[in-house]
Each structure stands twice: as structure tokens, then as C-alpha cells.
């Protein structure tokens, strides 16, 4: 677990909290004996993530309306985003999984990786308090927020001014190992490619494609 602590950037006083955070219920069920697994920490970590993200958006965007903040927050802490954060520090490599879950590709499953990120966040909160949890989470939120500037919505609003025009996003490539994938996406206006983008998640790649499309429009 020392390597995982290094990846996380936090050293636990209670190492068992970290072990629990990466223990899936399938592993606990196969190894009887009162093993704890990460669902309770996931519950706590979800609340901590929501608070940290809400505070960041509230303080950094004094004129942003509540509805927009809710949409941006949802993008920053959705399953796809959290799984991407997990992959950045290779949490999947350290997961304790049951044999069936292991064989079915659970180590790369976005839902498991997203839950584990929440659980690790909850574990840090319990072990070191809100400031350490915030320091951990903001590493990912700051970068994700920059790449999640809502270029898609802006592009959609522009295109909607021309009735009959239709935008769509198409994944055209994936590369890299499962724990470090990158995606390539094209944004199409009707049947024409108007932008391309890459990212660690499909959402990030879509935003990058929309940003390129806007740049080509001179925006």
C-alpha cells in the first residue's frame, strides 16, 4: 500500500482505512472473517466530494446561477470523471476483488473505480480531516474543471440558432492500457467534421472537440 499512498499523496495514520477503501464487497464475501469493504466509505466520500466541489464552484464563480453550478458539479463528479481520476493514480491496480469480479474485468470497470475514488476520499477525510481530503480532491477537480469548461453547451447554443442543423459526437479512437486510456472524439455538424479532441475520458475528449470547433469558428 506504500505505492498507493505515494500515488495518492497522503500517508495514512490508520492503514486499515486505506485497505478498506480498496476492498470490494466481492472480495469480502469470498474471504469470510468479518472483512470490511468500501461501501460505507464510498457513502461518506460521496458527500465529501459533493461539498468540496460545491464550495469550489461557489467561491470561484460568484455570478454562476445555481442551475449551472449543479450541471458543472455533475460533470466533475460523475462516474466517468471519478473513474478517470482513479486511473490517474492507478487505484485499480490495488483493488482487492473477488475471483469472479477479477475475471470479468472488474479492475477496469468504471463503476468500481468511481466507487473506490469516493471511498479513498472518505478514508482520507476520516484519517486526516477535511483539509487533507480537499488537498487530494482538488488535484483532480482543478485539472478537470479546466478541461470541462462548457464548450459543448456554448457550441450547442450557437448551432441551435440555425434550425435543422444537428450536432453529434463520435468516438473515433481509444489507445493506451486500461488504466491509462485516452479517447479521440469528433464533433459532427450534420455529416461534416467540425472539430476533433482527445482526453482521458470521453467527456473530456468531447469538450476538447467542441473547443476546437469553436476556435475554427473564431470564438
C-alpha atoms as a PDB file:
ATOM      1  CA  UNK A   1       0.000   0.000   0.000  1.00  0.00           C
ATOM      2  CA  UNK A   2       3.029   2.313   0.240  1.00  0.00           C
ATOM      3  CA  UNK A   3       2.987   2.817  -3.532  1.00  0.00           C
ATOM      4  CA  UNK A   4      -0.717   3.664  -3.468  1.00  0.00           C
ATOM      5  CA  UNK A   5      -0.125   6.164  -0.646  1.00  0.00           C
ATOM      6  CA  UNK A   6       2.582   7.776  -2.784  1.00  0.00           C
ATOM      7  CA  UNK A   7       0.191   7.936  -5.752  1.00  0.00           C
ATOM      8  CA  UNK A   8      -2.492   9.462  -3.529  1.00  0.00           C
ATOM      9  CA  UNK A   9      -0.064  11.924  -1.972  1.00  0.00           C
ATOM     10  CA  UNK A  10      -1.173  11.179   1.563  1.00  0.00           C
ATOM     11  CA  UNK A  11       0.233   8.879   4.266  1.00  0.00           C
ATOM     12  CA  UNK A  12      -2.408   7.222   6.422  1.00  0.00           C
ATOM     13  CA  UNK A  13      -2.088   7.014  10.169  1.00  0.00           C
ATOM     14  CA  UNK A  14      -4.634   4.160  10.105  1.00  0.00           C
ATOM     15  CA  UNK A  15      -3.528   1.928   7.214  1.00  0.00           C
ATOM     16  CA  UNK A  16      -6.633  -0.225   7.639  1.00  0.00           C
ATOM     17  CA  UNK A  17      -8.773   2.646   6.373  1.00  0.00           C
ATOM     18  CA  UNK A  18      -6.928   2.622   3.059  1.00  0.00           C
ATOM     19  CA  UNK A  19      -7.154  -1.151   2.821  1.00  0.00           C
ATOM     20  CA  UNK A  20     -10.899  -0.960   3.393  1.00  0.00           C
ATOM     21  CA  UNK A  21     -11.224   1.765   0.757  1.00  0.00           C
ATOM     22  CA  UNK A  22      -9.841  -0.574  -1.929  1.00  0.00           C
ATOM     23  CA  UNK A  23     -11.658  -3.709  -0.748  1.00  0.00           C
ATOM     24  CA  UNK A  24     -14.629  -4.594  -2.942  1.00  0.00           C
ATOM     25  CA  UNK A  25     -17.611  -6.409  -1.483  1.00  0.00           C
ATOM     26  CA  UNK A  26     -16.894  -9.416  -3.741  1.00  0.00           C
ATOM     27  CA  UNK A  27     -13.513  -9.894  -2.025  1.00  0.00           C
ATOM     28  CA  UNK A  28     -15.010  -9.570   1.454  1.00  0.00           C
ATOM     29  CA  UNK A  29     -17.716 -12.094   0.584  1.00  0.00           C
ATOM     30  CA  UNK A  30     -15.184 -14.649  -0.643  1.00  0.00           C
ATOM     31  CA  UNK A  31     -12.901 -14.182   2.358  1.00  0.00           C
ATOM     32  CA  UNK A  32     -15.087 -14.741   5.381  1.00  0.00           C
ATOM     33  CA  UNK A  33     -13.975 -13.429   8.717  1.00  0.00           C
ATOM     34  CA  UNK A  34     -15.527 -10.013   9.193  1.00  0.00           C
ATOM     35  CA  UNK A  35     -13.574  -8.159   6.494  1.00  0.00           C
ATOM     36  CA  UNK A  36     -14.728  -4.608   5.955  1.00  0.00           C
ATOM     37  CA  UNK A  37     -15.332  -3.397   2.408  1.00  0.00           C
ATOM     38  CA  UNK A  38     -15.607   0.046   0.893  1.00  0.00           C
ATOM     39  CA  UNK A  39     -19.340   0.776   0.543  1.00  0.00           C
ATOM     40  CA  UNK A  40     -19.652   2.772   3.783  1.00  0.00           C
ATOM     41  CA  UNK A  41     -16.522   4.797   2.963  1.00  0.00           C
ATOM     42  CA  UNK A  42     -17.938   5.345  -0.517  1.00  0.00           C
ATOM     43  CA  UNK A  43     -21.111   6.789   1.025  1.00  0.00           C
ATOM     44  CA  UNK A  44     -19.068   9.196   3.141  1.00  0.00           C
ATOM     45  CA  UNK A  45     -16.669  10.076   0.347  1.00  0.00           C
ATOM     46  CA  UNK A  46     -19.527  10.944  -1.990  1.00  0.00           C
ATOM     47  CA  UNK A  47     -20.761  13.564   0.495  1.00  0.00           C
ATOM     48  CA  UNK A  48     -17.234  14.952   0.996  1.00  0.00           C
ATOM     49  CA  UNK A  49     -16.728  15.194  -2.778  1.00  0.00           C
ATOM     50  CA  UNK A  50     -20.038  16.978  -3.246  1.00  0.00           C
ATOM     51  CA  UNK A  51     -19.156  19.522  -0.549  1.00  0.00           C
ATOM     52  CA  UNK A  52     -15.646  20.196  -1.841  1.00  0.00           C
ATOM     53  CA  UNK A  53     -16.892  20.556  -5.417  1.00  0.00           C
ATOM     54  CA  UNK A  54     -19.808  22.770  -4.397  1.00  0.00           C
ATOM     55  CA  UNK A  55     -17.544  25.057  -2.366  1.00  0.00           C
ATOM     56  CA  UNK A  56     -15.058  25.332  -5.236  1.00  0.00           C
ATOM     57  CA  UNK A  57     -17.745  26.288  -7.761  1.00  0.00           C
ATOM     58  CA  UNK A  58     -19.489  28.670  -5.348  1.00  0.00           C
ATOM     59  CA  UNK A  59     -16.319  30.555  -4.408  1.00  0.00           C
ATOM     60  CA  UNK A  60     -14.734  30.662  -7.870  1.00  0.00           C
ATOM     61  CA  UNK A  61     -17.871  31.611  -9.814  1.00  0.00           C
ATOM     62  CA  UNK A  62     -19.681  34.373  -7.904  1.00  0.00           C
ATOM     63  CA  UNK A  63     -22.125  35.070 -10.748  1.00  0.00           C
ATOM     64  CA  UNK A  64     -22.855  31.499 -11.829  1.00  0.00           C
ATOM     65  CA  UNK A  65     -26.523  30.580 -11.226  1.00  0.00           C
ATOM     66  CA  UNK A  66     -27.458  27.547  -9.140  1.00  0.00           C
ATOM     67  CA  UNK A  67     -28.654  25.532 -12.125  1.00  0.00           C
ATOM     68  CA  UNK A  68     -25.365  25.977 -13.985  1.00  0.00           C
ATOM     69  CA  UNK A  69     -23.346  25.115 -10.863  1.00  0.00           C
ATOM     70  CA  UNK A  70     -25.363  21.909 -10.499  1.00  0.00           C
ATOM     71  CA  UNK A  71     -24.623  20.925 -14.105  1.00  0.00           C
ATOM     72  CA  UNK A  72     -20.902  21.644 -13.809  1.00  0.00           C
ATOM     73  CA  UNK A  73     -20.701  19.783 -10.481  1.00  0.00           C
ATOM     74  CA  UNK A  74     -22.464  16.795 -12.016  1.00  0.00           C
ATOM     75  CA  UNK A  75     -19.856  16.696 -14.785  1.00  0.00           C
ATOM     76  CA  UNK A  76     -16.961  16.901 -12.342  1.00  0.00           C
ATOM     77  CA  UNK A  77     -18.138  14.086 -10.052  1.00  0.00           C
ATOM     78  CA  UNK A  78     -19.984  11.780 -12.467  1.00  0.00           C
ATOM     79  CA  UNK A  79     -18.962   8.125 -12.697  1.00  0.00           C
ATOM     80  CA  UNK A  80     -16.907   8.673 -15.854  1.00  0.00           C
ATOM     81  CA  UNK A  81     -14.970  11.545 -14.275  1.00  0.00           C
ATOM     82  CA  UNK A  82     -14.317   9.723 -10.993  1.00  0.00           C
ATOM     83  CA  UNK A  83     -13.137   6.610 -12.836  1.00  0.00           C
ATOM     84  CA  UNK A  84     -10.751   8.831 -14.779  1.00  0.00           C
ATOM     85  CA  UNK A  85      -9.382  10.300 -11.550  1.00  0.00           C
ATOM     86  CA  UNK A  86      -8.873   6.752 -10.223  1.00  0.00           C
ATOM     87  CA  UNK A  87      -6.969   5.807 -13.356  1.00  0.00           C
ATOM     88  CA  UNK A  88      -4.652   8.798 -12.954  1.00  0.00           C
ATOM     89  CA  UNK A  89      -3.301   7.294  -9.727  1.00  0.00           C
ATOM     90  CA  UNK A  90      -3.825   3.629 -10.687  1.00  0.00           C
ATOM     91  CA  UNK A  91      -6.259   2.781  -7.882  1.00  0.00           C
ATOM     92  CA  UNK A  92      -7.492  -0.178  -9.936  1.00  0.00           C
ATOM     93  CA  UNK A  93      -4.094  -1.872  -9.623  1.00  0.00           C
ATOM     94  CA  UNK A  94      -4.554  -2.053  -5.852  1.00  0.00           C
ATOM     95  CA  UNK A  95      -8.194  -3.139  -5.659  1.00  0.00           C
ATOM     96  CA  UNK A  96      -8.981  -6.296  -3.687  1.00  0.00           C
ATOM     97  CA  UNK A  97     -11.552  -8.113  -5.801  1.00  0.00           C
ATOM     98  CA  UNK A  98     -13.297 -11.463  -5.683  1.00  0.00           C
ATOM     99  CA  UNK A  99     -12.230 -14.038  -8.279  1.00  0.00           C
ATOM    100  CA  UNK A 100     -15.371 -13.620 -10.357  1.00  0.00           C
ATOM    101  CA  UNK A 101     -15.101  -9.847 -10.386  1.00  0.00           C
ATOM    102  CA  UNK A 102     -11.419 -10.089 -11.265  1.00  0.00           C
ATOM    103  CA  UNK A 103     -12.095 -12.424 -14.188  1.00  0.00           C
ATOM    104  CA  UNK A 104     -14.903 -10.259 -15.557  1.00  0.00           C
ATOM    105  CA  UNK A 105     -12.681  -7.165 -15.788  1.00  0.00           C
ATOM    106  CA  UNK A 106     -13.719  -5.501 -12.549  1.00  0.00           C
ATOM    107  CA  UNK A 107     -10.319  -3.856 -12.148  1.00  0.00           C
ATOM    108  CA  UNK A 108     -11.125  -1.634 -15.143  1.00  0.00           C
ATOM    109  CA  UNK A 109     -14.883  -1.258 -14.555  1.00  0.00           C
ATOM    110  CA  UNK A 110     -15.767   2.459 -14.303  1.00  0.00           C
ATOM    111  CA  UNK A 111     -18.363   1.913 -11.566  1.00  0.00           C
ATOM    112  CA  UNK A 112     -15.856   0.085  -9.341  1.00  0.00           C
ATOM    113  CA  UNK A 113     -13.130   2.669  -9.983  1.00  0.00           C
ATOM    114  CA  UNK A 114     -15.516   5.570  -9.296  1.00  0.00           C
ATOM    115  CA  UNK A 115     -16.712   3.961  -6.062  1.00  0.00           C
ATOM    116  CA  UNK A 116     -13.111   3.365  -4.992  1.00  0.00           C
ATOM    117  CA  UNK A 117     -12.212   7.019  -5.579  1.00  0.00           C
ATOM    118  CA  UNK A 118     -15.116   8.058  -3.357  1.00  0.00           C
ATOM    119  CA  UNK A 119     -14.040   5.526  -0.731  1.00  0.00           C
ATOM    120  CA  UNK A 120     -10.440   6.769  -0.739  1.00  0.00           C
ATOM    121  CA  UNK A 121     -11.740  10.322  -0.345  1.00  0.00           C
ATOM    122  CA  UNK A 122     -13.843   9.213   2.626  1.00  0.00           C
ATOM    123  CA  UNK A 123     -10.881   7.382   4.139  1.00  0.00           C
ATOM    124  CA  UNK A 124      -8.644  10.449   3.879  1.00  0.00           C
ATOM    125  CA  UNK A 125     -11.380  12.569   5.464  1.00  0.00           C
ATOM    126  CA  UNK A 126     -11.670  10.207   8.425  1.00  0.00           C
ATOM    127  CA  UNK A 127      -7.923   9.805   8.826  1.00  0.00           C
ATOM    128  CA  UNK A 128      -6.752  13.365   8.250  1.00  0.00           C
ATOM    129  CA  UNK A 129      -9.737  15.707   8.193  1.00  0.00           C
ATOM    130  CA  UNK A 130     -11.307  17.949   5.569  1.00  0.00           C
ATOM    131  CA  UNK A 131      -8.163  19.891   4.642  1.00  0.00           C
ATOM    132  CA  UNK A 132      -6.303  16.740   3.603  1.00  0.00           C
ATOM    133  CA  UNK A 133      -9.373  15.446   1.761  1.00  0.00           C
ATOM    134  CA  UNK A 134      -9.668  18.787  -0.034  1.00  0.00           C
ATOM    135  CA  UNK A 135      -5.991  18.789  -0.980  1.00  0.00           C
ATOM    136  CA  UNK A 136      -6.409  15.314  -2.503  1.00  0.00           C
ATOM    137  CA  UNK A 137      -9.627  16.053  -4.389  1.00  0.00           C
ATOM    138  CA  UNK A 138      -8.671  19.482  -5.744  1.00  0.00           C
ATOM    139  CA  UNK A 139      -5.708  17.965  -7.608  1.00  0.00           C
ATOM    140  CA  UNK A 140      -8.241  16.349  -9.889  1.00  0.00           C
ATOM    141  CA  UNK A 141     -11.006  18.940  -9.831  1.00  0.00           C
ATOM    142  CA  UNK A 142      -8.733  21.818 -10.822  1.00  0.00           C
ATOM    143  CA  UNK A 143      -7.473  19.993 -13.916  1.00  0.00           C
ATOM    144  CA  UNK A 144     -10.899  18.563 -14.764  1.00  0.00           C
ATOM    145  CA  UNK A 145     -12.607  21.933 -14.392  1.00  0.00           C
ATOM    146  CA  UNK A 146     -10.207  23.496 -16.860  1.00  0.00           C
ATOM    147  CA  UNK A 147     -10.933  20.742 -19.385  1.00  0.00           C
ATOM    148  CA  UNK A 148     -14.630  20.812 -18.569  1.00  0.00           C
ATOM    149  CA  UNK A 149     -15.245  24.440 -19.457  1.00  0.00           C
ATOM    150  CA  UNK A 150     -18.632  24.016 -21.022  1.00  0.00           C
ATOM    151  CA  UNK A 151     -17.604  24.294 -24.662  1.00  0.00           C
ATOM    152  CA  UNK A 152     -20.260  21.730 -25.612  1.00  0.00           C
ATOM    153  CA  UNK A 153     -23.103  23.875 -24.303  1.00  0.00           C
ATOM    154  CA  UNK A 154     -21.718  27.016 -25.970  1.00  0.00           C
ATOM    155  CA  UNK A 155     -21.362  25.203 -29.292  1.00  0.00           C
ATOM    156  CA  UNK A 156     -24.878  23.775 -28.977  1.00  0.00           C
ATOM    157  CA  UNK A 157     -26.317  27.240 -28.282  1.00  0.00           C
ATOM    158  CA  UNK A 158     -24.647  28.618 -31.410  1.00  0.00           C
ATOM    159  CA  UNK A 159     -25.795  25.769 -33.650  1.00  0.00           C
ATOM    160  CA  UNK A 160     -29.370  25.950 -32.331  1.00  0.00           C
ATOM    161  CA  UNK A 161     -29.673  29.399 -33.894  1.00  0.00           C
ATOM    162  CA  UNK A 162     -29.826  27.605 -37.257  1.00  0.00           C
ATOM    163  CA  UNK A 163     -32.906  25.346 -37.293  1.00  0.00           C
ATOM    164  CA  UNK A 164     -32.305  21.964 -38.886  1.00  0.00           C
ATOM    165  CA  UNK A 165     -28.602  21.774 -38.002  1.00  0.00           C
ATOM    166  CA  UNK A 166     -27.638  18.805 -35.828  1.00  0.00           C
ATOM    167  CA  UNK A 167     -24.566  18.201 -33.668  1.00  0.00           C
ATOM    168  CA  UNK A 168     -23.283  14.766 -32.726  1.00  0.00           C
ATOM    169  CA  UNK A 169     -20.153  13.397 -31.051  1.00  0.00           C
ATOM    170  CA  UNK A 170     -18.454  10.257 -32.342  1.00  0.00           C
ATOM    171  CA  UNK A 171     -15.687   8.295 -30.593  1.00  0.00           C
ATOM    172  CA  UNK A 172     -13.135   7.548 -33.307  1.00  0.00           C
ATOM    173  CA  UNK A 173     -10.320   6.030 -31.263  1.00  0.00           C
ATOM    174  CA  UNK A 174      -9.110   4.597 -27.985  1.00  0.00           C
ATOM    175  CA  UNK A 175      -5.491   3.915 -27.109  1.00  0.00           C
ATOM    176  CA  UNK A 176      -3.335   3.058 -24.141  1.00  0.00           C
ATOM    177  CA  UNK A 177      -3.641   0.400 -21.439  1.00  0.00           C
ATOM    178  CA  UNK A 178      -6.892   0.087 -19.499  1.00  0.00           C
ATOM    179  CA  UNK A 179      -5.553   2.064 -16.543  1.00  0.00           C
ATOM    180  CA  UNK A 180      -4.344   4.925 -18.753  1.00  0.00           C
ATOM    181  CA  UNK A 181      -6.641   5.169 -21.762  1.00  0.00           C
ATOM    182  CA  UNK A 182      -7.084   8.183 -23.966  1.00  0.00           C
ATOM    183  CA  UNK A 183     -10.049   8.779 -26.260  1.00  0.00           C
ATOM    184  CA  UNK A 184     -10.392  10.627 -29.549  1.00  0.00           C
ATOM    185  CA  UNK A 185     -13.736  12.186 -30.444  1.00  0.00           C
ATOM    186  CA  UNK A 186     -15.016  14.054 -33.495  1.00  0.00           C
ATOM    187  CA  UNK A 187     -17.863  16.566 -33.345  1.00  0.00           C
ATOM    188  CA  UNK A 188     -20.049  16.436 -36.445  1.00  0.00           C
ATOM    189  CA  UNK A 189     -22.315  19.161 -37.770  1.00  0.00           C
ATOM    190  CA  UNK A 190     -24.777  17.101 -39.741  1.00  0.00           C
ATOM    191  CA  UNK A 191     -22.296  14.878 -41.656  1.00  0.00           C
ATOM    192  CA  UNK A 192     -19.308  17.244 -41.548  1.00  0.00           C
ATOM    193  CA  UNK A 193     -16.453  17.009 -39.038  1.00  0.00           C
ATOM    194  CA  UNK A 194     -16.010  20.438 -37.445  1.00  0.00           C
ATOM    195  CA  UNK A 195     -13.662  19.546 -34.592  1.00  0.00           C
ATOM    196  CA  UNK A 196     -11.551  16.790 -33.042  1.00  0.00           C
ATOM    197  CA  UNK A 197     -10.335  16.306 -29.487  1.00  0.00           C
ATOM    198  CA  UNK A 198      -8.601  13.864 -27.177  1.00  0.00           C
ATOM    199  CA  UNK A 199      -8.906  13.302 -23.453  1.00  0.00           C
ATOM    200  CA  UNK A 200      -8.555  10.840 -20.578  1.00  0.00           C
ATOM    201  CA  UNK A 201     -12.320  10.332 -20.659  1.00  0.00           C
ATOM    202  CA  UNK A 202     -14.952  10.557 -23.379  1.00  0.00           C
ATOM    203  CA  UNK A 203     -16.373  13.680 -21.732  1.00  0.00           C
ATOM    204  CA  UNK A 204     -13.006  15.431 -21.798  1.00  0.00           C
ATOM    205  CA  UNK A 205     -12.487  14.436 -25.437  1.00  0.00           C
ATOM    206  CA  UNK A 206     -15.933  15.779 -26.362  1.00  0.00           C
ATOM    207  CA  UNK A 207     -15.176  19.087 -24.656  1.00  0.00           C
ATOM    208  CA  UNK A 208     -11.832  19.311 -26.492  1.00  0.00           C
ATOM    209  CA  UNK A 209     -13.581  18.637 -29.821  1.00  0.00           C
ATOM    210  CA  UNK A 210     -16.181  21.332 -29.105  1.00  0.00           C
ATOM    211  CA  UNK A 211     -13.409  23.760 -28.119  1.00  0.00           C
ATOM    212  CA  UNK A 212     -11.615  23.154 -31.436  1.00  0.00           C
ATOM    213  CA  UNK A 213     -14.873  23.659 -33.332  1.00  0.00           C
ATOM    214  CA  UNK A 214     -15.425  26.983 -31.568  1.00  0.00           C
ATOM    215  CA  UNK A 215     -11.838  28.044 -32.302  1.00  0.00           C
ATOM    216  CA  UNK A 216     -12.325  27.261 -36.000  1.00  0.00           C
ATOM    217  CA  UNK A 217     -15.412  29.491 -35.895  1.00  0.00           C
ATOM    218  CA  UNK A 218     -13.250  32.272 -34.489  1.00  0.00           C
ATOM    219  CA  UNK A 219     -14.730  32.029 -30.988  1.00  0.00           C
END
